[in-house]
C-alpha atoms as a PDB file:
ATOM      1  CA  MET A   1      10.515  60.139 -11.431  1.00  0.00           C
ATOM      2  CA  GLY A   2       9.810  58.254 -15.086  1.00  0.00           C
ATOM      3  CA  SER A   3      13.186  56.527 -14.698  1.00  0.00           C
ATOM      4  CA  VAL A   4      12.483  55.038 -11.855  1.00  0.00           C
ATOM      5  CA  ARG A   5       9.510  53.671 -13.089  1.00  0.00           C
ATOM      6  CA  GLY A   6      11.393  52.618 -16.163  1.00  0.00           C
ATOM      7  CA  ARG A   7      13.807  50.693 -14.049  1.00  0.00           C
ATOM      8  CA  ALA A   8      11.350  49.056 -12.135  1.00  0.00           C
ATOM      9  CA  ALA A   9       9.516  47.980 -15.205  1.00  0.00           C
ATOM     10  CA  LEU A  10      12.981  46.733 -16.393  1.00  0.00           C
ATOM     11  CA  LEU A  11      13.713  44.914 -13.285  1.00  0.00           C
ATOM     12  CA  VAL A  12      10.161  43.196 -13.232  1.00  0.00           C
ATOM     13  CA  ALA A  13      10.451  42.237 -16.844  1.00  0.00           C
ATOM     14  CA  VAL A  14      14.540  40.654 -16.114  1.00  0.00           C
ATOM     15  CA  ALA A  15      12.560  38.677 -13.025  1.00  0.00           C
ATOM     16  CA  ALA A  16       9.960  37.370 -14.678  1.00  0.00           C
ATOM     17  CA  CYS A  17      12.159  36.190 -17.918  1.00  0.00           C
ATOM     18  CA  ALA A  18      15.044  34.631 -15.580  1.00  0.00           C
ATOM     19  CA  ALA A  19      12.352  33.120 -12.897  1.00  0.00           C
ATOM     20  CA  PRO A  20      12.259  29.877 -15.504  1.00  0.00           C
ATOM     21  CA  LEU A  21      16.003  29.609 -15.785  1.00  0.00           C
ATOM     22  CA  LEU A  22      16.285  29.679 -11.903  1.00  0.00           C
ATOM     23  CA  GLY A  23      13.704  27.498 -11.394  1.00  0.00           C
ATOM     24  CA  ALA A  24      11.646  30.019  -9.624  1.00  0.00           C
ATOM     25  CA  VAL A  25       8.054  30.029  -9.459  1.00  0.00           C
ATOM     26  CA  PRO A  26       5.961  32.610  -7.996  1.00  0.00           C
ATOM     27  CA  VAL A  27       3.874  31.505  -4.957  1.00  0.00           C
ATOM     28  CA  GLN A  28       0.903  33.253  -3.258  1.00  0.00           C
ATOM     29  CA  ALA A  29       1.060  32.845   0.343  1.00  0.00           C
ATOM     30  CA  ALA A  30      -1.940  30.842   1.031  1.00  0.00           C
ATOM     31  CA  PRO A  31      -3.954  31.444   4.223  1.00  0.00           C
ATOM     32  CA  ARG A  32      -2.945  29.349   7.231  1.00  0.00           C
ATOM     33  CA  ALA A  33      -5.012  27.115   8.586  1.00  0.00           C
ATOM     34  CA  ALA A  34      -5.621  26.938  12.249  1.00  0.00           C
ATOM     35  CA  GLU A  35      -3.502  24.078  13.865  1.00  0.00           C
ATOM     36  CA  PRO A  36      -6.179  21.162  14.838  1.00  0.00           C
ATOM     37  CA  VAL A  37      -6.223  20.947  18.755  1.00  0.00           C
ATOM     38  CA  PRO A  38      -5.508  17.408  19.861  1.00  0.00           C
ATOM     39  CA  GLU A  39      -8.316  15.799  21.870  1.00  0.00           C
ATOM     40  CA  GLN A  40      -7.846  15.795  25.550  1.00  0.00           C
ATOM     41  CA  PRO A  41      -8.622  12.487  27.359  1.00  0.00           C
ATOM     42  CA  PRO A  42     -10.660  12.456  29.983  1.00  0.00           C
ATOM     43  CA  ALA A  43      -8.895  13.192  33.309  1.00  0.00           C
ATOM     44  CA  ASP A  44      -9.507   9.745  34.632  1.00  0.00           C
ATOM     45  CA  VAL A  45      -7.987   7.807  31.225  1.00  0.00           C
ATOM     46  CA  ILE A  46      -4.575   6.558  31.928  1.00  0.00           C
ATOM     47  CA  PHE A  47      -2.664   5.170  28.736  1.00  0.00           C
ATOM     48  CA  VAL A  48       0.486   4.922  26.770  1.00  0.00           C
ATOM     49  CA  GLU A  49       0.979   4.484  22.998  1.00  0.00           C
ATOM     50  CA  VAL A  50       3.791   3.881  21.010  1.00  0.00           C
ATOM     51  CA  THR A  51       4.303   4.809  17.162  1.00  0.00           C
ATOM     52  CA  PRO A  52       5.174   2.836  15.211  1.00  0.00           C
ATOM     53  CA  SER A  53       4.640   0.010  16.712  1.00  0.00           C
ATOM     54  CA  THR A  54       6.725  -2.099  14.816  1.00  0.00           C
ATOM     55  CA  VAL A  55      10.630  -0.627  14.341  1.00  0.00           C
ATOM     56  CA  GLU A  56      14.066  -1.554  13.544  1.00  0.00           C
ATOM     57  CA  PRO A  57      16.947  -1.262  15.788  1.00  0.00           C
ATOM     58  CA  GLY A  58      18.288   2.588  15.894  1.00  0.00           C
ATOM     59  CA  TYR A  59      15.112   4.139  14.925  1.00  0.00           C
ATOM     60  CA  LEU A  60      13.295   6.725  17.023  1.00  0.00           C
ATOM     61  CA  VAL A  61       9.593   5.982  18.198  1.00  0.00           C
ATOM     62  CA  GLY A  62       6.758   8.542  19.470  1.00  0.00           C
ATOM     63  CA  ILE A  63       5.789   8.030  23.003  1.00  0.00           C
ATOM     64  CA  ARG A  64       1.976   9.932  23.846  1.00  0.00           C
ATOM     65  CA  ALA A  65       0.744   9.016  27.150  1.00  0.00           C
ATOM     66  CA  SER A  66      -1.851  10.428  29.701  1.00  0.00           C
ATOM     67  CA  CYS A  67      -1.653  10.350  33.566  1.00  0.00           C
ATOM     68  CA  ARG A  68      -4.320  11.912  35.858  1.00  0.00           C
ATOM     69  CA  ASP A  69      -2.055  15.073  36.119  1.00  0.00           C
ATOM     70  CA  ASN A  70      -0.641  15.793  32.670  1.00  0.00           C
ATOM     71  CA  SER A  71       1.129  18.906  33.811  1.00  0.00           C
ATOM     72  CA  VAL A  72       3.956  16.998  35.319  1.00  0.00           C
ATOM     73  CA  PRO A  73       6.814  14.533  33.650  1.00  0.00           C
ATOM     74  CA  ALA A  74       6.167  10.927  34.017  1.00  0.00           C
ATOM     75  CA  ILE A  75       8.402   7.821  33.768  1.00  0.00           C
ATOM     76  CA  VAL A  76       8.295   5.131  30.724  1.00  0.00           C
ATOM     77  CA  ALA A  77      10.804   2.429  30.802  1.00  0.00           C
ATOM     78  CA  SER A  78      10.981  -0.275  28.486  1.00  0.00           C
ATOM     79  CA  ASP A  79      13.945  -3.006  27.762  1.00  0.00           C
ATOM     80  CA  ALA A  80      14.063  -1.362  24.081  1.00  0.00           C
ATOM     81  CA  PHE A  81      14.944   2.022  24.811  1.00  0.00           C
ATOM     82  CA  GLY A  82      15.838   1.535  28.945  1.00  0.00           C
ATOM     83  CA  LYS A  83      13.755   4.716  30.996  1.00  0.00           C
ATOM     84  CA  ILE A  84      12.983   8.130  29.856  1.00  0.00           C
ATOM     85  CA  GLN A  85      10.990  11.068  31.124  1.00  0.00           C
ATOM     86  CA  VAL A  86       7.758  12.128  29.378  1.00  0.00           C
ATOM     87  CA  GLN A  87       7.078  15.511  29.028  1.00  0.00           C
ATOM     88  CA  PRO A  88       3.694  17.453  29.119  1.00  0.00           C
ATOM     89  CA  GLN A  89       2.931  18.895  25.663  1.00  0.00           C
ATOM     90  CA  ARG A  90      -0.400  19.988  24.668  1.00  0.00           C
ATOM     91  CA  GLY A  91      -2.383  18.267  27.366  1.00  0.00           C
ATOM     92  CA  LEU A  92      -0.432  14.956  27.031  1.00  0.00           C
ATOM     93  CA  LEU A  93       3.094  13.566  27.846  1.00  0.00           C
ATOM     94  CA  THR A  94       5.197  12.934  24.934  1.00  0.00           C
ATOM     95  CA  ALA A  95       8.772  12.019  24.115  1.00  0.00           C
ATOM     96  CA  SER A  96      10.909  10.307  21.410  1.00  0.00           C
ATOM     97  CA  PRO A  97      13.622   7.811  22.192  1.00  0.00           C
ATOM     98  CA  MET A  98      15.659   5.990  20.046  1.00  0.00           C
ATOM     99  CA  VAL A  99      15.406   1.937  20.211  1.00  0.00           C
ATOM    100  CA  ASN A 100      18.809   0.605  21.112  1.00  0.00           C
ATOM    101  CA  GLU A 101      21.195  -0.318  18.059  1.00  0.00           C
ATOM    102  CA  ARG A 102      21.690  -3.742  20.151  1.00  0.00           C
ATOM    103  CA  THR A 103      18.086  -4.534  20.618  1.00  0.00           C
ATOM    104  CA  ARG A 104      17.330  -8.075  19.350  1.00  0.00           C
ATOM    105  CA  PRO A 105      13.975  -8.608  17.365  1.00  0.00           C
ATOM    106  CA  GLY A 106      10.889  -9.444  19.606  1.00  0.00           C
ATOM    107  CA  ASN A 107       8.505  -7.958  21.564  1.00  0.00           C
ATOM    108  CA  TYR A 108       9.110  -5.472  24.769  1.00  0.00           C
ATOM    109  CA  ARG A 109       6.734  -4.021  27.129  1.00  0.00           C
ATOM    110  CA  ILE A 110       6.603  -0.246  27.263  1.00  0.00           C
ATOM    111  CA  LYS A 111       5.399   0.588  31.127  1.00  0.00           C
ATOM    112  CA  LEU A 112       4.167   4.062  32.003  1.00  0.00           C
ATOM    113  CA  GLU A 113       4.398   4.849  35.669  1.00  0.00           C
ATOM    114  CA  CYS A 114       2.700   8.031  36.688  1.00  0.00           C
ATOM    115  CA  PRO A 115       3.657  10.196  39.335  1.00  0.00           C
ATOM    116  CA  GLY A 116       0.408   9.261  41.547  1.00  0.00           C
ATOM    117  CA  GLY A 117       1.374   5.774  41.188  1.00  0.00           C
ATOM    118  CA  GLU A 118      -1.055   4.723  38.071  1.00  0.00           C
ATOM    119  CA  THR A 119       0.399   2.767  35.612  1.00  0.00           C
ATOM    120  CA  ALA A 120      -0.407   1.448  31.894  1.00  0.00           C
ATOM    121  CA  SER A 121       1.630  -0.538  29.334  1.00  0.00           C
ATOM    122  CA  THR A 122       1.747  -1.205  25.614  1.00  0.00           C
ATOM    123  CA  MET A 123       3.621  -3.488  23.297  1.00  0.00           C
ATOM    124  CA  LEU A 124       6.770  -2.483  20.781  1.00  0.00           C
ATOM    125  CA  GLN A 125       7.767  -5.036  18.472  1.00  0.00           C
ATOM    126  CA  VAL A 126      11.249  -5.347  17.195  1.00  0.00           C
ATOM    127  CA  VAL A 127      12.153  -6.446  13.807  1.00  0.00           C
ATOM    128  CA  LYS A 128      15.517  -7.726  12.347  1.00  0.00           C
ATOM    129  CA  ARG A 129      17.077  -5.004  10.242  1.00  0.00           C
ATOM    130  CA  ALA A 130      16.782  -4.996   6.668  1.00  0.00           C
ATOM    131  CA  GLN A 131      19.970  -5.916   4.755  1.00  0.00           C
ATOM    132  CA  PRO A 132      20.444  -3.613   1.948  1.00  0.00           C
ATOM    133  CA  THR A 133      20.767  -5.556  -1.282  1.00  0.00           C
ATOM    134  CA  ARG A 134      23.835  -5.384  -3.256  1.00  0.00           C
ATOM    135  CA  PRO A 135      24.197  -4.755  -6.972  1.00  0.00           C
ATOM    136  CA  PRO A 136      25.809  -7.522  -9.186  1.00  0.00           C
ATOM    137  CA  SER A 137      29.165  -6.210  -9.852  1.00  0.00           C
ATOM    138  CA  HIS A 138      28.267  -6.762 -13.854  1.00  0.00           C
ATOM    139  CA  PRO A 139      24.836  -6.060 -14.683  1.00  0.00           C
ATOM    140  CA  PRO A 140      22.935  -8.243 -17.043  1.00  0.00           C
ATOM    141  CA  SER A 141      22.542  -7.051 -20.343  1.00  0.00           C
ATOM    142  CA  HIS A 142      18.849  -6.675 -19.864  1.00  0.00           C
ATOM    143  CA  PHE A 143      19.457  -3.407 -17.068  1.00  0.00           C
ATOM    144  CA  PRO A 144      19.743   0.155 -18.713  1.00  0.00           C
ATOM    145  CA  SER A 145      23.424   1.251 -19.136  1.00  0.00           C
ATOM    146  CA  ARG A 146      22.655   4.669 -18.052  1.00  0.00           C
ATOM    147  CA  GLY A 147      20.176   6.411 -15.558  1.00  0.00           C
ATOM    148  CA  PRO A 148      16.806   7.551 -15.857  1.00  0.00           C
ATOM    149  CA  ALA A 149      16.082  10.630 -17.900  1.00  0.00           C
ATOM    150  CA  THR A 150      14.673  12.595 -15.167  1.00  0.00           C
ATOM    151  CA  GLY A 151      15.086  15.980 -16.969  1.00  0.00           C
ATOM    152  CA  PHE A 152      14.053  19.135 -15.053  1.00  0.00           C
ATOM    153  CA  GLY A 153      10.918  17.754 -12.898  1.00  0.00           C
ATOM    154  CA  GLY A 154       7.803  17.446 -15.028  1.00  0.00           C
ATOM    155  CA  THR A 155       9.675  16.939 -18.165  1.00  0.00           C
ATOM    156  CA  ALA A 156      11.464  13.460 -17.468  1.00  0.00           C
ATOM    157  CA  GLY A 157      11.050  11.109 -20.424  1.00  0.00           C
ATOM    158  CA  THR A 158       9.429  13.819 -22.639  1.00  0.00           C
ATOM    159  CA  GLY A 159      12.408  14.947 -24.562  1.00  0.00           C
ATOM    160  CA  LEU A 160      11.837  18.643 -23.483  1.00  0.00           C
ATOM    161  CA  GLY A 161      14.647  18.823 -21.112  1.00  0.00           C
ATOM    162  CA  GLY A 162      17.251  19.942 -23.879  1.00  0.00           C
ATOM    163  CA  LEU A 163      15.106  23.082 -25.052  1.00  0.00           C
ATOM    164  CA  LEU A 164      14.585  24.508 -21.709  1.00  0.00           C
ATOM    165  CA  VAL A 165      17.919  26.437 -21.394  1.00  0.00           C
ATOM    166  CA  PRO A 166      17.588  27.829 -24.472  1.00  0.00           C
ATOM    167  CA  VAL A 167      13.778  28.859 -24.535  1.00  0.00           C
ATOM    168  CA  GLY A 168      14.512  30.207 -21.218  1.00  0.00           C
ATOM    169  CA  LEU A 169      17.621  32.425 -22.366  1.00  0.00           C
ATOM    170  CA  ALA A 170      15.384  33.571 -25.160  1.00  0.00           C
ATOM    171  CA  LEU A 171      12.561  34.455 -23.259  1.00  0.00           C
ATOM    172  CA  THR A 172      15.308  36.249 -20.788  1.00  0.00           C
ATOM    173  CA  VAL A 173      16.830  38.354 -23.906  1.00  0.00           C
ATOM    174  CA  VAL A 174      12.953  39.365 -25.135  1.00  0.00           C
ATOM    175  CA  GLY A 175      12.163  40.262 -21.288  1.00  0.00           C
ATOM    176  CA  ALA A 176      15.366  42.495 -21.073  1.00  0.00           C
ATOM    177  CA  GLY A 177      14.886  44.151 -24.374  1.00  0.00           C
ATOM    178  CA  LEU A 178      10.866  45.010 -23.625  1.00  0.00           C
ATOM    179  CA  GLY A 179      12.275  46.229 -20.288  1.00  0.00           C
ATOM    180  CA  VAL A 180      14.802  48.617 -22.108  1.00  0.00           C
ATOM    181  CA  ALA A 181      12.121  49.882 -24.655  1.00  0.00           C
ATOM    182  CA  ALA A 182       9.854  51.195 -21.531  1.00  0.00           C
ATOM    183  CA  SER A 183      12.544  52.499 -19.690  1.00  0.00           C
ATOM    184  CA  ARG A 184      13.204  54.494 -22.753  1.00  0.00           C
ATOM    185  CA  ARG A 185       9.690  55.325 -23.489  1.00  0.00           C
ATOM    186  CA  ASN A 186       8.983  56.558 -19.900  1.00  0.00           C
ATOM    187  CA  SER A 187      12.104  58.382 -19.817  1.00  0.00           C
ATOM    188  CA  GLY A 188      11.050  59.977 -22.711  1.00  0.00           C
ATOM    189  CA  ALA A 189       7.657  60.679 -21.255  1.00  0.00           C
ATOM    190  CA  ALA A 190       9.482  62.470 -18.433  1.00  0.00           C
ATOM    191  CA  ARG A 191      11.383  64.839 -20.702  1.00  0.00           C
ATOM    192  CA  ARG A 192       8.802  66.131 -22.423  1.00  0.00           C
END
């Protein structure tokens, strides 16, 4: 029995000392907050929304809509992404279509067509795709010659990054020594 406790103490000591080397951080599970329930629109409200309302070609947009009966799918149509079906989800109708790659910049109407004949519309603005900037072939002399000192997370630029491995190794050795000593003490107590 004593050797089992000694081994457990050794494992705990080694794990505690090795955690800094492996980047592990003990985390306690936080109580999970209840998910907020989305507000349900009144039954007579018919609408369609798009998020974001400004987008580049090739990106997804979120569609959120409401008809009188949100338990059955409806159709949303636009020249920006074509004709899609919005599906019932948590009391609303939703979909995530992609704006076609070849869509030209401009404003596009998004029209909801409910199964009962109701309609609603909104607008989506498609903007020109941003061109990535190219770095100069030979950077000017005022540019840094090497990458930023990112270190290990919070140690960026402090000069402590080089000490983390030796200090972590030393702590691991000390922890293992303490674990072995505790194991021997527990096994000596078990023999008596």
